[in-house]
Amino acid sequence: MPGVRHAKSILRPPDFSRLCVLLIAALFAVPPVLAQAAVEGDETARVRKVLEEIIAADNSANVERIVALYEEDALLLPPAGPAVVGKDAIKERYRQGFEKAKLEVAFHSEETHVTGDWAFDRGLTRGRNVWRDGRAPTKFEHKYLMILRRRPDGGWKIARLIWNNNSTE
């Protein structure tokens, strides 16, 4: 149109060199983050594997397998009674428990965190005690907190285990 002047755009075209630099920087920053997330995911899976193993060993009353999952200086903190200190005492506690009842237990992990050589898993266990003296089985639901320590070989062992009743009955 004659006589009409168009204003110059106040928007500048993108600075492509700056955009390229940012994209390249992001590409180099992402792989270490992804690699760290993969390592953390692998370690979380290894920690949860210990929990799967102890539940399987509980259900089969395999005291030797259970004790193999604990650190030498482990601490068991049952809901009633004093702390059980060390692998030998933990082994005896399990042995006596299995003389009284067979466990039928399942777990649900609600939270697992790994930081360096330490990890914890928190969740619920549900099941029942099948009493060997003929009493009717009793159901239970417990909340637990398991603290684990990484071994020099990369495996995980239970360092502390505490649980208590989660039902109101």
C-alpha atoms as a PDB file:
ATOM      1  CA  MET A   1       0.000   0.000   0.000  1.00  0.00           C
ATOM      2  CA  PRO A   2       1.438   3.320  -0.934  1.00  0.00           C
ATOM      3  CA  GLY A   3       2.175   5.639   1.913  1.00  0.00           C
ATOM      4  CA  VAL A   4       2.046   2.919   4.602  1.00  0.00           C
ATOM      5  CA  ARG A   5       5.281   2.183   6.294  1.00  0.00           C
ATOM      6  CA  HIS A   6       5.776  -1.147   8.005  1.00  0.00           C
ATOM      7  CA  ALA A   7       7.427  -1.155  11.366  1.00  0.00           C
ATOM      8  CA  LYS A   8      10.494  -3.291  11.723  1.00  0.00           C
ATOM      9  CA  SER A   9       9.976  -6.319  13.868  1.00  0.00           C
ATOM     10  CA  ILE A  10      11.120  -5.763  17.409  1.00  0.00           C
ATOM     11  CA  LEU A  11      11.610  -9.518  17.716  1.00  0.00           C
ATOM     12  CA  ARG A  12      15.078 -10.623  16.838  1.00  0.00           C
ATOM     13  CA  PRO A  13      15.610 -13.926  15.122  1.00  0.00           C
ATOM     14  CA  PRO A  14      16.971 -16.549  17.499  1.00  0.00           C
ATOM     15  CA  ASP A  15      20.684 -16.515  18.121  1.00  0.00           C
ATOM     16  CA  PHE A  16      21.423 -19.921  16.607  1.00  0.00           C
ATOM     17  CA  SER A  17      25.023 -20.019  17.751  1.00  0.00           C
ATOM     18  CA  ARG A  18      23.947 -19.596  21.376  1.00  0.00           C
ATOM     19  CA  LEU A  19      21.189 -22.192  20.898  1.00  0.00           C
ATOM     20  CA  CYS A  20      23.700 -24.689  19.451  1.00  0.00           C
ATOM     21  CA  VAL A  21      26.073 -24.168  22.359  1.00  0.00           C
ATOM     22  CA  LEU A  22      23.247 -24.803  24.851  1.00  0.00           C
ATOM     23  CA  LEU A  23      22.142 -27.941  23.026  1.00  0.00           C
ATOM     24  CA  ILE A  24      25.672 -29.336  22.891  1.00  0.00           C
ATOM     25  CA  ALA A  25      26.170 -28.606  26.596  1.00  0.00           C
ATOM     26  CA  ALA A  26      22.887 -30.371  27.390  1.00  0.00           C
ATOM     27  CA  LEU A  27      23.910 -33.414  25.367  1.00  0.00           C
ATOM     28  CA  PHE A  28      27.158 -33.748  27.299  1.00  0.00           C
ATOM     29  CA  ALA A  29      25.430 -33.215  30.659  1.00  0.00           C
ATOM     30  CA  VAL A  30      22.623 -35.743  30.159  1.00  0.00           C
ATOM     31  CA  PRO A  31      24.613 -38.999  29.757  1.00  0.00           C
ATOM     32  CA  PRO A  32      26.283 -38.764  33.207  1.00  0.00           C
ATOM     33  CA  VAL A  33      22.901 -38.028  34.770  1.00  0.00           C
ATOM     34  CA  LEU A  34      21.352 -40.968  32.943  1.00  0.00           C
ATOM     35  CA  ALA A  35      24.297 -43.192  33.847  1.00  0.00           C
ATOM     36  CA  GLN A  36      23.968 -42.234  37.521  1.00  0.00           C
ATOM     37  CA  ALA A  37      20.225 -42.944  37.410  1.00  0.00           C
ATOM     38  CA  ALA A  38      20.930 -46.357  35.863  1.00  0.00           C
ATOM     39  CA  VAL A  39      23.472 -47.173  38.591  1.00  0.00           C
ATOM     40  CA  GLU A  40      21.041 -46.061  41.295  1.00  0.00           C
ATOM     41  CA  GLY A  41      18.297 -48.165  39.679  1.00  0.00           C
ATOM     42  CA  ASP A  42      20.589 -51.203  39.607  1.00  0.00           C
ATOM     43  CA  GLU A  43      21.528 -50.706  43.266  1.00  0.00           C
ATOM     44  CA  THR A  44      17.884 -50.257  44.272  1.00  0.00           C
ATOM     45  CA  ALA A  45      17.080 -53.542  42.531  1.00  0.00           C
ATOM     46  CA  ARG A  46      19.956 -55.259  44.376  1.00  0.00           C
ATOM     47  CA  VAL A  47      18.697 -53.934  47.711  1.00  0.00           C
ATOM     48  CA  ARG A  48      15.167 -55.159  46.988  1.00  0.00           C
ATOM     49  CA  LYS A  49      16.603 -58.536  45.973  1.00  0.00           C
ATOM     50  CA  VAL A  50      17.895 -58.945  49.554  1.00  0.00           C
ATOM     51  CA  LEU A  51      14.357 -58.351  50.793  1.00  0.00           C
ATOM     52  CA  GLU A  52      12.979 -60.923  48.337  1.00  0.00           C
ATOM     53  CA  GLU A  53      15.593 -63.414  49.523  1.00  0.00           C
ATOM     54  CA  ILE A  54      14.872 -62.977  53.226  1.00  0.00           C
ATOM     55  CA  ILE A  55      11.116 -63.340  52.665  1.00  0.00           C
ATOM     56  CA  ALA A  56      11.672 -66.553  50.649  1.00  0.00           C
ATOM     57  CA  ALA A  57      13.992 -67.858  53.379  1.00  0.00           C
ATOM     58  CA  ASP A  58      11.433 -66.919  56.076  1.00  0.00           C
ATOM     59  CA  ASN A  59       8.721 -68.837  54.227  1.00  0.00           C
ATOM     60  CA  SER A  60      10.927 -71.912  53.926  1.00  0.00           C
ATOM     61  CA  ALA A  61      12.271 -71.598  57.498  1.00  0.00           C
ATOM     62  CA  ASN A  62      15.805 -71.603  56.090  1.00  0.00           C
ATOM     63  CA  VAL A  63      17.777 -70.196  59.027  1.00  0.00           C
ATOM     64  CA  GLU A  64      21.172 -70.554  57.320  1.00  0.00           C
ATOM     65  CA  ARG A  65      20.002 -68.591  54.261  1.00  0.00           C
ATOM     66  CA  ILE A  66      18.466 -65.903  56.469  1.00  0.00           C
ATOM     67  CA  VAL A  67      21.597 -65.470  58.552  1.00  0.00           C
ATOM     68  CA  ALA A  68      23.752 -65.265  55.402  1.00  0.00           C
ATOM     69  CA  LEU A  69      21.876 -62.077  54.502  1.00  0.00           C
ATOM     70  CA  TYR A  70      22.963 -60.275  57.689  1.00  0.00           C
ATOM     71  CA  GLU A  71      26.163 -58.378  58.552  1.00  0.00           C
ATOM     72  CA  GLU A  72      28.271 -59.886  61.365  1.00  0.00           C
ATOM     73  CA  ASP A  73      27.400 -56.937  63.629  1.00  0.00           C
ATOM     74  CA  ALA A  74      23.750 -56.723  62.547  1.00  0.00           C
ATOM     75  CA  LEU A  75      21.042 -55.550  64.895  1.00  0.00           C
ATOM     76  CA  LEU A  76      17.523 -56.995  64.928  1.00  0.00           C
ATOM     77  CA  LEU A  77      14.950 -54.795  66.662  1.00  0.00           C
ATOM     78  CA  PRO A  78      11.795 -56.879  67.206  1.00  0.00           C
ATOM     79  CA  PRO A  79       8.548 -55.264  68.389  1.00  0.00           C
ATOM     80  CA  ALA A  80       8.733 -56.884  71.823  1.00  0.00           C
ATOM     81  CA  GLY A  81      11.856 -57.579  73.784  1.00  0.00           C
ATOM     82  CA  PRO A  82      15.419 -56.378  73.687  1.00  0.00           C
ATOM     83  CA  ALA A  83      17.578 -55.826  70.624  1.00  0.00           C
ATOM     84  CA  VAL A  84      19.160 -58.946  69.149  1.00  0.00           C
ATOM     85  CA  VAL A  85      22.824 -58.142  68.515  1.00  0.00           C
ATOM     86  CA  GLY A  86      25.113 -59.996  66.113  1.00  0.00           C
ATOM     87  CA  LYS A  87      24.697 -62.811  63.643  1.00  0.00           C
ATOM     88  CA  ASP A  88      24.913 -65.632  66.197  1.00  0.00           C
ATOM     89  CA  ALA A  89      22.136 -64.181  68.357  1.00  0.00           C
ATOM     90  CA  ILE A  90      20.020 -63.466  65.269  1.00  0.00           C
ATOM     91  CA  LYS A  91      20.452 -67.066  64.132  1.00  0.00           C
ATOM     92  CA  GLU A  92      19.265 -68.352  67.522  1.00  0.00           C
ATOM     93  CA  ARG A  93      16.268 -66.005  67.499  1.00  0.00           C
ATOM     94  CA  TYR A  94      15.165 -67.303  64.090  1.00  0.00           C
ATOM     95  CA  ARG A  95      15.791 -70.932  65.083  1.00  0.00           C
ATOM     96  CA  GLN A  96      13.605 -70.584  68.173  1.00  0.00           C
ATOM     97  CA  GLY A  97      10.922 -68.773  66.211  1.00  0.00           C
ATOM     98  CA  PHE A  98      10.725 -71.481  63.563  1.00  0.00           C
ATOM     99  CA  GLU A  99      10.401 -74.129  66.268  1.00  0.00           C
ATOM    100  CA  LYS A 100       7.183 -72.390  67.339  1.00  0.00           C
ATOM    101  CA  ALA A 101       5.632 -71.444  63.999  1.00  0.00           C
ATOM    102  CA  LYS A 102       5.890 -71.629  60.235  1.00  0.00           C
ATOM    103  CA  LEU A 103       5.728 -68.248  58.545  1.00  0.00           C
ATOM    104  CA  GLU A 104       3.640 -67.465  55.504  1.00  0.00           C
ATOM    105  CA  VAL A 105       4.624 -63.929  54.615  1.00  0.00           C
ATOM    106  CA  ALA A 106       4.626 -61.528  51.664  1.00  0.00           C
ATOM    107  CA  PHE A 107       6.060 -58.040  51.435  1.00  0.00           C
ATOM    108  CA  HIS A 108       5.350 -54.739  49.767  1.00  0.00           C
ATOM    109  CA  SER A 109       8.281 -52.354  49.497  1.00  0.00           C
ATOM    110  CA  GLU A 110       7.082 -48.753  49.622  1.00  0.00           C
ATOM    111  CA  GLU A 111      10.372 -46.879  49.534  1.00  0.00           C
ATOM    112  CA  THR A 112      13.984 -47.730  48.764  1.00  0.00           C
ATOM    113  CA  HIS A 113      16.906 -45.302  48.841  1.00  0.00           C
ATOM    114  CA  VAL A 114      20.599 -45.899  48.194  1.00  0.00           C
ATOM    115  CA  THR A 115      23.273 -43.427  49.278  1.00  0.00           C
ATOM    116  CA  GLY A 116      26.858 -44.508  48.894  1.00  0.00           C
ATOM    117  CA  ASP A 117      27.453 -47.726  50.828  1.00  0.00           C
ATOM    118  CA  TRP A 118      24.184 -47.477  52.771  1.00  0.00           C
ATOM    119  CA  ALA A 119      20.607 -48.121  51.768  1.00  0.00           C
ATOM    120  CA  PHE A 120      17.232 -48.515  53.361  1.00  0.00           C
ATOM    121  CA  ASP A 121      13.984 -50.141  52.393  1.00  0.00           C
ATOM    122  CA  ARG A 122      10.663 -49.371  54.061  1.00  0.00           C
ATOM    123  CA  GLY A 123       7.400 -51.188  53.576  1.00  0.00           C
ATOM    124  CA  LEU A 124       4.856 -53.697  54.819  1.00  0.00           C
ATOM    125  CA  THR A 125       4.835 -57.413  55.452  1.00  0.00           C
ATOM    126  CA  ARG A 126       1.596 -59.359  55.688  1.00  0.00           C
ATOM    127  CA  GLY A 127       1.027 -62.968  56.470  1.00  0.00           C
ATOM    128  CA  ARG A 128       0.297 -65.435  59.178  1.00  0.00           C
ATOM    129  CA  ASN A 129       1.987 -67.598  61.747  1.00  0.00           C
ATOM    130  CA  VAL A 130       1.000 -71.252  61.470  1.00  0.00           C
ATOM    131  CA  TRP A 131       1.578 -72.497  65.031  1.00  0.00           C
ATOM    132  CA  ARG A 132       3.241 -75.859  65.432  1.00  0.00           C
ATOM    133  CA  ASP A 133       1.399 -76.564  68.713  1.00  0.00           C
ATOM    134  CA  GLY A 134      -1.941 -76.804  66.899  1.00  0.00           C
ATOM    135  CA  ARG A 135      -3.306 -73.347  67.737  1.00  0.00           C
ATOM    136  CA  ALA A 136      -5.213 -71.570  65.003  1.00  0.00           C
ATOM    137  CA  PRO A 137      -2.988 -69.530  62.683  1.00  0.00           C
ATOM    138  CA  THR A 138      -2.733 -65.829  63.455  1.00  0.00           C
ATOM    139  CA  LYS A 139      -2.574 -63.096  60.838  1.00  0.00           C
ATOM    140  CA  PHE A 140      -0.207 -60.168  61.026  1.00  0.00           C
ATOM    141  CA  GLU A 141       0.636 -56.968  59.223  1.00  0.00           C
ATOM    142  CA  HIS A 142       3.890 -55.217  60.073  1.00  0.00           C
ATOM    143  CA  LYS A 143       5.625 -52.103  58.899  1.00  0.00           C
ATOM    144  CA  TYR A 144       9.396 -52.491  58.625  1.00  0.00           C
ATOM    145  CA  LEU A 145      12.546 -50.498  58.080  1.00  0.00           C
ATOM    146  CA  MET A 146      15.590 -52.376  56.830  1.00  0.00           C
ATOM    147  CA  ILE A 147      18.991 -50.691  56.688  1.00  0.00           C
ATOM    148  CA  LEU A 148      21.611 -52.339  54.493  1.00  0.00           C
ATOM    149  CA  ARG A 149      25.349 -51.883  53.995  1.00  0.00           C
ATOM    150  CA  ARG A 150      27.204 -52.482  50.743  1.00  0.00           C
ATOM    151  CA  ARG A 151      29.943 -55.108  51.015  1.00  0.00           C
ATOM    152  CA  PRO A 152      33.365 -54.701  49.367  1.00  0.00           C
ATOM    153  CA  ASP A 153      32.252 -57.206  46.696  1.00  0.00           C
ATOM    154  CA  GLY A 154      29.280 -54.936  45.817  1.00  0.00           C
ATOM    155  CA  GLY A 155      26.651 -57.127  47.465  1.00  0.00           C
ATOM    156  CA  TRP A 156      24.291 -55.866  50.155  1.00  0.00           C
ATOM    157  CA  LYS A 157      23.810 -57.213  53.689  1.00  0.00           C
ATOM    158  CA  ILE A 158      21.250 -56.323  56.329  1.00  0.00           C
ATOM    159  CA  ALA A 159      22.777 -54.123  59.028  1.00  0.00           C
ATOM    160  CA  ARG A 160      19.596 -53.228  60.943  1.00  0.00           C
ATOM    161  CA  LEU A 161      16.021 -54.494  60.786  1.00  0.00           C
ATOM    162  CA  ILE A 162      13.131 -53.137  62.792  1.00  0.00           C
ATOM    163  CA  TRP A 163       9.433 -53.924  62.485  1.00  0.00           C
ATOM    164  CA  ASN A 164       6.258 -53.456  64.452  1.00  0.00           C
ATOM    165  CA  ASN A 165       2.569 -54.160  64.296  1.00  0.00           C
ATOM    166  CA  ASN A 166       0.620 -52.188  61.721  1.00  0.00           C
ATOM    167  CA  SER A 167      -2.870 -53.413  62.612  1.00  0.00           C
ATOM    168  CA  THR A 168      -5.124 -52.028  65.319  1.00  0.00           C
ATOM    169  CA  GLU A 169      -6.615 -55.371  66.386  1.00  0.00           C
END
